[in-house]
Amino acid sequence: MARIPGLGPVRETLTDAGYRAGWAAIRYAPDSLARKAFGNVGEFFGTRDGGPDQLRRNLSRVLGVPADEVPDDLMAASMASYARYWYEAFRLPSMDFATAAANVHIADEEVAGFSAELDKGKGLIFALPHSGNYDMAGVWLVQLFGTFATVAERLKPESLFRRFVEYRESLGFEIFPLTGGEQPPFAQLADRLRDGKIICLMGERDLTRKGVPVTMFGEPTRMPAGAAKLAIDTGAALMPVHHWFTEGATSRLTVGAALDTSDGVAATTQRLADAFATNIAAHPADWHMLQPFWEADWSQERRERLANPGRGGNAGGASS
C-alpha cells in the first residue's frame, strides 16, 4: 500500500488530541458510571472477533495452551482490566491522592521488609511489569515515602510525551526521558540510588537494543538490563513488584524479597523474569501486554535492529 504523505503527523496530532480530551472529560464524569462504562467497552473489545490477536498469543504462553484455547472470559477480563487502567489514568489527576492510595492494599510485613532495605542507605530499586496500574501504585508509594525517580519512553508527537511527563510529575514522580534527554538516564538514576532514594522501573519490555536474553514461560525474549545493572553498580536492593486489580476501585500490591545480584546482570535479570512470571501467572488478566513480547512474534524489522545494534538507553523504561 502506498504511503500517504503527511499521514504520520496527522495521526500523531489526533492521538494527542484524544488523550487531551480523555484527561479533560473523564475527571468530571460520575465515577461509578464511567468506571462501569470503561469496563463494558473493554469486555466488548476483548470478545469481538476473538479479541486482540497479540494479547491472545501472549496469554497463551502464560496459560501454556494454544492461542485458540485461551478462554473468552479471560480475554474479556483482560481487556476490561486494560480499560480500567486507562480510566484511572484519565481520572487520577483530579482524584484525592490520599484516598487513591488508601485503595491500594499491601501486607504490613512487606512494607516493613522494603523499608528495612531502604534504611540501609543504598537506595532501592522497584522493578515491575505492565500489570494493574503502575501509576496508582506510584501514587501509593509517593504518599508513604515521597517522590521517586523513573524513566519515560519518548512518545510521538513531542506534545504527547510532554503531556505524559506532566501527568506523572503531577502525581509526584520524578521523570527522566529514556532517550533525548540532556544525559542518559542511567547516571541520573544511579545518583538517586547513591543518595538513598527509591527508583521504579518497568522491567519486562525491552525498549532498546541492549536487552538481556531471558526465558519466560519457557520461551526466549529480552528484558531491560538497567534494573540489574543499577543494583550491581550501586549496591541498591532490587525488588520485584506486582500490582493487580481487585473489586471496585481497590487493588493489591506485593513486593518480593531482594534478588541475589552476585553473579551478574544476565543471571539477575533472569531471576527478575522468573519473579514476574510467577506473579503474571497468578493474575494473568491484569498483565497489559498487547505488543509482541516473545522472540517468536518479533517483526523482521526488530530482528534486523537487534542484529545491527546502535545506540540505545539501558536503564529500562516506564512506558506510557
Protein backbone atom coordinates (compact mmCIF):
# COMPACT_ATOMS: atom_id res chain seq x y z
CA MET A 1 0.00 0.00 0.00
CA ALA A 2 1.34 3.45 -0.93
CA ARG A 3 2.17 5.75 1.95
CA ILE A 4 0.10 8.92 2.17
CA PRO A 5 2.40 11.92 2.68
CA GLY A 6 1.81 13.65 5.99
CA LEU A 7 -0.41 10.90 7.44
CA GLY A 8 2.05 10.15 10.27
CA PRO A 9 1.98 13.69 11.71
CA VAL A 10 -1.81 13.82 11.32
CA ARG A 11 -2.21 10.55 13.21
CA GLU A 12 0.11 11.78 15.96
CA THR A 13 -1.87 15.01 16.29
CA LEU A 14 -5.14 13.11 16.53
CA THR A 15 -3.65 10.79 19.15
CA ASP A 16 -2.52 13.75 21.22
CA ALA A 17 -5.97 15.34 20.90
CA GLY A 18 -7.60 12.09 22.01
CA TYR A 19 -5.53 11.85 25.16
CA ARG A 20 -6.10 15.53 25.91
CA ALA A 21 -9.87 15.04 25.57
CA GLY A 22 -9.75 11.97 27.81
CA TRP A 23 -7.95 13.79 30.61
CA ALA A 24 -10.32 16.74 30.27
CA ALA A 25 -13.58 14.81 30.18
CA ILE A 26 -13.20 11.74 32.40
CA ARG A 27 -12.29 13.67 35.54
CA TYR A 28 -15.74 15.25 35.54
CA ALA A 29 -17.77 12.10 34.86
CA PRO A 30 -19.55 10.27 37.72
CA ASP A 31 -17.03 7.67 38.89
CA SER A 32 -19.36 4.67 39.19
CA LEU A 33 -20.91 5.19 35.76
CA ALA A 34 -17.67 5.95 33.97
CA ARG A 35 -15.82 3.06 35.60
CA LYS A 36 -18.56 0.65 34.57
CA ALA A 37 -18.69 2.05 31.04
CA PHE A 38 -14.94 1.61 30.55
CA GLY A 39 -15.20 -1.96 31.83
CA ASN A 40 -18.05 -2.78 29.48
CA VAL A 41 -16.19 -1.35 26.49
CA GLY A 42 -13.11 -3.34 27.45
CA GLU A 43 -15.10 -6.58 27.68
CA PHE A 44 -16.64 -5.88 24.27
CA PHE A 45 -13.27 -5.46 22.58
CA GLY A 46 -11.94 -8.50 24.44
CA THR A 47 -14.50 -10.76 22.83
CA ARG A 48 -15.20 -9.11 19.48
CA ASP A 49 -13.72 -11.34 16.77
CA GLY A 50 -11.80 -13.22 19.44
CA GLY A 51 -10.20 -10.10 20.91
CA PRO A 52 -6.75 -8.66 20.12
CA ASP A 53 -4.71 -11.38 18.44
CA GLN A 54 -1.39 -10.46 20.07
CA LEU A 55 -2.93 -10.38 23.55
CA ARG A 56 -4.38 -13.84 22.94
CA ARG A 57 -0.96 -15.12 21.83
CA ASN A 58 0.71 -13.65 24.89
CA LEU A 59 -1.86 -15.10 27.27
CA SER A 60 -1.49 -18.49 25.59
CA ARG A 61 2.15 -18.55 26.79
CA VAL A 62 1.09 -17.63 30.31
CA LEU A 63 -1.52 -20.40 30.39
CA GLY A 64 0.56 -22.92 28.47
CA VAL A 65 -2.20 -23.61 25.93
CA PRO A 66 -2.66 -22.95 22.19
CA ALA A 67 -3.88 -19.45 21.40
CA ASP A 68 -7.30 -20.70 20.30
CA GLU A 69 -7.78 -22.31 23.74
CA VAL A 70 -7.36 -19.09 25.73
CA PRO A 71 -10.77 -18.72 27.45
CA ASP A 72 -13.01 -15.98 26.10
CA ASP A 73 -13.81 -14.86 29.63
CA LEU A 74 -10.10 -14.27 30.28
CA MET A 75 -9.87 -12.19 27.10
CA ALA A 76 -12.85 -10.15 28.23
CA ALA A 77 -11.44 -9.72 31.73
CA SER A 78 -8.03 -8.76 30.35
CA MET A 79 -9.38 -6.01 28.11
CA ALA A 80 -11.67 -4.80 30.91
CA SER A 81 -8.58 -4.57 33.10
CA TYR A 82 -6.75 -2.64 30.38
CA ALA A 83 -9.71 -0.28 30.06
CA ARG A 84 -9.67 0.23 33.84
CA TYR A 85 -6.02 1.23 33.63
CA TRP A 86 -6.88 3.95 31.11
CA TYR A 87 -9.92 5.08 33.06
CA GLU A 88 -7.83 5.52 36.20
CA ALA A 89 -5.04 7.22 34.24
CA PHE A 90 -7.51 9.79 32.95
CA ARG A 91 -9.13 10.13 36.38
CA LEU A 92 -6.07 10.27 38.63
CA PRO A 93 -5.13 13.95 38.17
CA SER A 94 -8.47 15.01 39.69
CA MET A 95 -8.52 12.42 42.49
CA ASP A 96 -7.56 12.96 46.09
CA PHE A 97 -4.21 11.18 46.20
CA ALA A 98 -4.55 10.09 49.82
CA THR A 99 -7.89 8.44 49.02
CA ALA A 100 -6.46 6.81 45.90
CA ALA A 101 -3.51 5.45 47.88
CA ALA A 102 -5.84 4.08 50.58
CA ASN A 103 -7.44 1.83 47.94
CA VAL A 104 -4.07 0.12 47.29
CA HIS A 105 -3.58 -2.71 49.76
CA ILE A 106 -0.27 -4.33 50.72
CA ALA A 107 0.77 -6.59 53.58
CA ASP A 108 2.35 -4.77 56.51
CA GLU A 109 5.25 -7.20 56.63
CA GLU A 110 6.14 -6.42 53.02
CA VAL A 111 6.26 -2.69 53.78
CA ALA A 112 8.49 -3.45 56.76
CA GLY A 113 10.72 -5.59 54.54
CA PHE A 114 11.45 -2.99 51.89
CA SER A 115 11.61 -0.21 54.49
CA ALA A 116 14.44 -2.12 56.14
CA GLU A 117 16.25 -2.27 52.80
CA LEU A 118 15.75 1.46 52.30
CA ASP A 119 17.11 2.17 55.77
CA LYS A 120 20.47 0.72 54.70
CA GLY A 121 21.04 3.97 52.80
CA LYS A 122 21.97 2.38 49.45
CA GLY A 123 18.74 3.17 47.69
CA LEU A 124 16.04 0.82 46.49
CA ILE A 125 15.02 -0.36 43.02
CA PHE A 126 11.46 -1.48 42.43
CA ALA A 127 11.03 -3.33 39.11
CA LEU A 128 7.55 -4.15 37.89
CA PRO A 129 5.80 -5.41 34.76
CA HIS A 130 2.93 -3.68 32.96
CA SER A 131 0.31 -5.08 35.29
CA GLY A 132 -2.59 -3.36 37.02
CA ASN A 133 -1.99 0.37 37.24
CA TYR A 134 1.64 1.24 37.91
CA ASP A 135 0.68 4.93 38.18
CA MET A 136 -1.73 4.11 41.00
CA ALA A 137 0.96 2.03 42.69
CA GLY A 138 3.26 5.03 42.31
CA VAL A 139 0.73 7.33 43.98
CA TRP A 140 0.63 4.90 46.91
CA LEU A 141 4.42 4.98 47.13
CA VAL A 142 4.58 8.78 46.99
CA GLN A 143 2.05 9.09 49.79
CA LEU A 144 4.17 6.89 52.06
CA PHE A 145 7.75 7.72 51.09
CA GLY A 146 7.72 10.87 48.96
CA THR A 147 8.87 11.18 45.38
CA PHE A 148 10.75 8.53 43.43
CA ALA A 149 12.56 8.60 40.10
CA THR A 150 11.53 6.70 37.00
CA VAL A 151 12.01 6.72 33.22
CA ALA A 152 9.54 7.67 30.50
CA GLU A 153 9.52 6.29 26.97
CA ARG A 154 9.69 9.13 24.44
CA LEU A 155 6.41 9.21 22.55
CA LYS A 156 5.38 10.94 19.35
CA PRO A 157 4.36 13.67 18.94
CA GLU A 158 6.52 15.55 21.42
CA SER A 159 3.41 17.25 22.81
CA LEU A 160 2.02 13.85 23.84
CA PHE A 161 5.31 12.91 25.50
CA ARG A 162 5.26 16.19 27.43
CA ARG A 163 1.66 15.57 28.41
CA PHE A 164 2.54 12.18 29.93
CA VAL A 165 5.58 13.64 31.70
CA GLU A 166 3.47 16.44 33.16
CA TYR A 167 0.80 13.93 34.17
CA ARG A 168 3.25 11.74 36.06
CA GLU A 169 5.05 14.71 37.58
CA SER A 170 1.67 15.89 38.87
CA LEU A 171 1.41 12.55 40.70
CA GLY A 172 4.71 13.24 42.46
CA PHE A 173 7.09 11.22 40.24
CA GLU A 174 10.49 12.47 39.07
CA ILE A 175 10.76 11.67 35.36
CA PHE A 176 13.85 11.13 33.21
CA PRO A 177 13.34 10.58 29.45
CA LEU A 178 14.61 7.25 28.15
CA THR A 179 16.08 8.98 25.10
CA GLY A 180 16.64 12.54 24.00
CA GLY A 181 17.39 14.00 27.42
CA GLU A 182 20.34 16.12 28.47
CA GLN A 183 22.11 12.92 29.52
CA PRO A 184 21.26 9.19 29.50
CA PRO A 185 19.01 8.26 32.44
CA PHE A 186 21.33 5.58 33.85
CA ALA A 187 23.70 8.04 35.54
CA GLN A 188 20.83 10.11 36.92
CA LEU A 189 19.13 7.06 38.37
CA ALA A 190 22.42 5.86 39.88
CA ASP A 191 22.83 9.25 41.54
CA ARG A 192 19.39 8.94 43.14
CA LEU A 193 20.25 5.50 44.46
CA ARG A 194 23.55 6.71 45.90
CA ASP A 195 21.53 9.39 47.68
CA GLY A 196 19.49 6.62 49.29
CA LYS A 197 16.37 7.25 47.18
CA ILE A 198 13.84 4.95 45.51
CA ILE A 199 13.64 4.39 41.77
CA CYS A 200 10.95 2.44 39.91
CA LEU A 201 11.44 0.81 36.51
CA MET A 202 9.08 -1.01 34.20
CA GLY A 203 11.06 -4.18 33.88
CA GLU A 204 9.76 -6.65 31.32
CA ARG A 205 9.51 -4.84 27.97
CA ASP A 206 12.82 -4.08 26.27
CA LEU A 207 12.62 -0.67 24.60
CA THR A 208 16.26 -0.61 23.48
CA ARG A 209 18.70 -2.74 21.51
CA LYS A 210 20.63 -3.78 24.61
CA GLY A 211 18.19 -6.13 26.27
CA VAL A 212 19.28 -9.23 28.17
CA PRO A 213 18.19 -12.61 26.72
CA VAL A 214 15.92 -14.39 29.19
CA THR A 215 13.45 -17.24 29.19
CA MET A 216 9.92 -16.50 30.34
CA PHE A 217 7.16 -19.08 30.36
CA GLY A 218 9.52 -21.41 28.51
CA GLU A 219 10.23 -19.13 25.53
CA PRO A 220 13.11 -16.75 24.77
CA THR A 221 12.70 -12.99 24.91
CA ARG A 222 14.69 -10.00 26.13
CA MET A 223 14.31 -7.72 29.12
CA PRO A 224 15.99 -4.42 30.03
CA ALA A 225 19.40 -4.67 31.65
CA GLY A 226 19.05 -1.44 33.60
CA ALA A 227 17.49 -2.66 36.84
CA ALA A 228 20.09 -5.39 37.37
CA LYS A 229 23.00 -3.20 36.31
CA LEU A 230 21.96 -0.36 38.60
CA ALA A 231 21.65 -2.74 41.53
CA ILE A 232 25.09 -4.22 40.89
CA ASP A 233 26.78 -0.88 40.30
CA THR A 234 25.29 0.92 43.32
CA GLY A 235 24.63 -1.85 45.85
CA ALA A 236 20.93 -0.94 45.96
CA ALA A 237 18.43 -3.70 46.63
CA LEU A 238 16.45 -4.87 43.59
CA MET A 239 12.93 -5.98 44.50
CA PRO A 240 10.24 -7.30 42.11
CA VAL A 241 6.85 -5.61 42.47
CA HIS A 242 3.43 -6.64 41.19
CA HIS A 243 0.17 -4.68 41.12
CA TRP A 244 -3.21 -6.14 40.25
CA PHE A 245 -6.83 -5.10 40.41
CA THR A 246 -9.46 -6.20 42.90
CA GLU A 247 -13.12 -5.19 43.27
CA GLY A 248 -14.35 -1.69 42.55
CA ALA A 249 -11.59 0.89 42.88
CA THR A 250 -9.39 -1.32 45.04
CA SER A 251 -6.17 -3.08 44.12
CA ARG A 252 -3.34 -5.10 45.62
CA LEU A 253 0.40 -4.60 45.63
CA THR A 254 3.08 -7.11 46.50
CA VAL A 255 6.82 -6.58 46.91
CA GLY A 256 9.08 -9.62 46.72
CA ALA A 257 12.35 -10.21 48.53
CA ALA A 258 15.51 -8.54 47.26
CA LEU A 259 17.05 -10.52 44.40
CA ASP A 260 20.52 -12.02 44.51
CA THR A 261 22.74 -9.93 42.21
CA SER A 262 26.05 -11.62 42.99
CA ASP A 263 26.51 -13.44 39.67
CA GLY A 264 25.98 -10.65 37.19
CA VAL A 265 23.46 -8.85 35.06
CA ALA A 266 22.25 -11.80 32.98
CA ALA A 267 21.53 -14.09 35.95
CA THR A 268 19.89 -11.27 37.92
CA THR A 269 17.65 -10.32 35.01
CA GLN A 270 16.60 -13.95 34.65
CA ARG A 271 15.66 -14.02 38.33
CA LEU A 272 13.57 -10.91 37.74
CA ALA A 273 11.89 -12.60 34.76
CA ASP A 274 11.11 -15.62 36.95
CA ALA A 275 9.55 -13.39 39.62
CA PHE A 276 7.48 -11.58 37.03
CA ALA A 277 6.32 -14.88 35.51
CA THR A 278 5.15 -16.19 38.89
CA ASN A 279 3.07 -13.09 39.55
CA ILE A 280 1.72 -12.78 36.00
CA ALA A 281 0.60 -16.42 36.11
CA ALA A 282 -1.28 -15.66 39.33
CA HIS A 283 -3.01 -12.60 37.81
CA PRO A 284 -2.98 -13.04 34.01
CA ALA A 285 -5.94 -10.75 33.30
CA ASP A 286 -4.09 -7.74 34.66
CA TRP A 287 -0.93 -8.11 32.56
CA HIS A 288 -1.42 -5.48 29.86
CA MET A 289 0.91 -6.83 27.22
CA LEU A 290 -0.71 -6.23 23.86
CA GLN A 291 2.58 -5.94 21.94
CA PRO A 292 4.78 -8.75 20.63
CA PHE A 293 6.86 -9.86 23.60
CA TRP A 294 8.49 -13.18 22.74
CA GLU A 295 11.11 -13.68 20.03
CA ALA A 296 8.77 -15.86 18.02
CA ASP A 297 6.44 -12.90 17.49
CA TRP A 298 9.05 -10.24 16.70
CA SER A 299 8.86 -8.42 13.40
CA GLN A 300 11.60 -8.77 10.81
CA GLU A 301 12.44 -5.09 11.39
CA ARG A 302 13.11 -5.73 15.06
CA ARG A 303 15.22 -8.76 14.28
CA GLU A 304 17.33 -6.65 11.94
CA ARG A 305 17.73 -3.92 14.56
CA LEU A 306 18.96 -6.45 17.10
CA ALA A 307 21.36 -7.90 14.55
CA ASN A 308 22.79 -4.41 13.96
CA PRO A 309 22.70 -2.75 17.38
CA GLY A 310 23.04 1.00 17.57
CA ARG A 311 22.81 3.48 20.35
CA GLY A 312 20.09 2.97 22.97
CA GLY A 313 19.33 3.51 26.61
CA ASN A 314 20.00 0.80 29.12
CA ALA A 315 18.05 1.83 32.17
CA GLY A 316 14.71 0.32 31.38
CA GLY A 317 11.68 2.48 30.89
CA ALA A 318 8.30 3.43 32.18
CA SER A 319 6.17 3.14 29.11
CA SER A 320 3.01 5.10 28.73
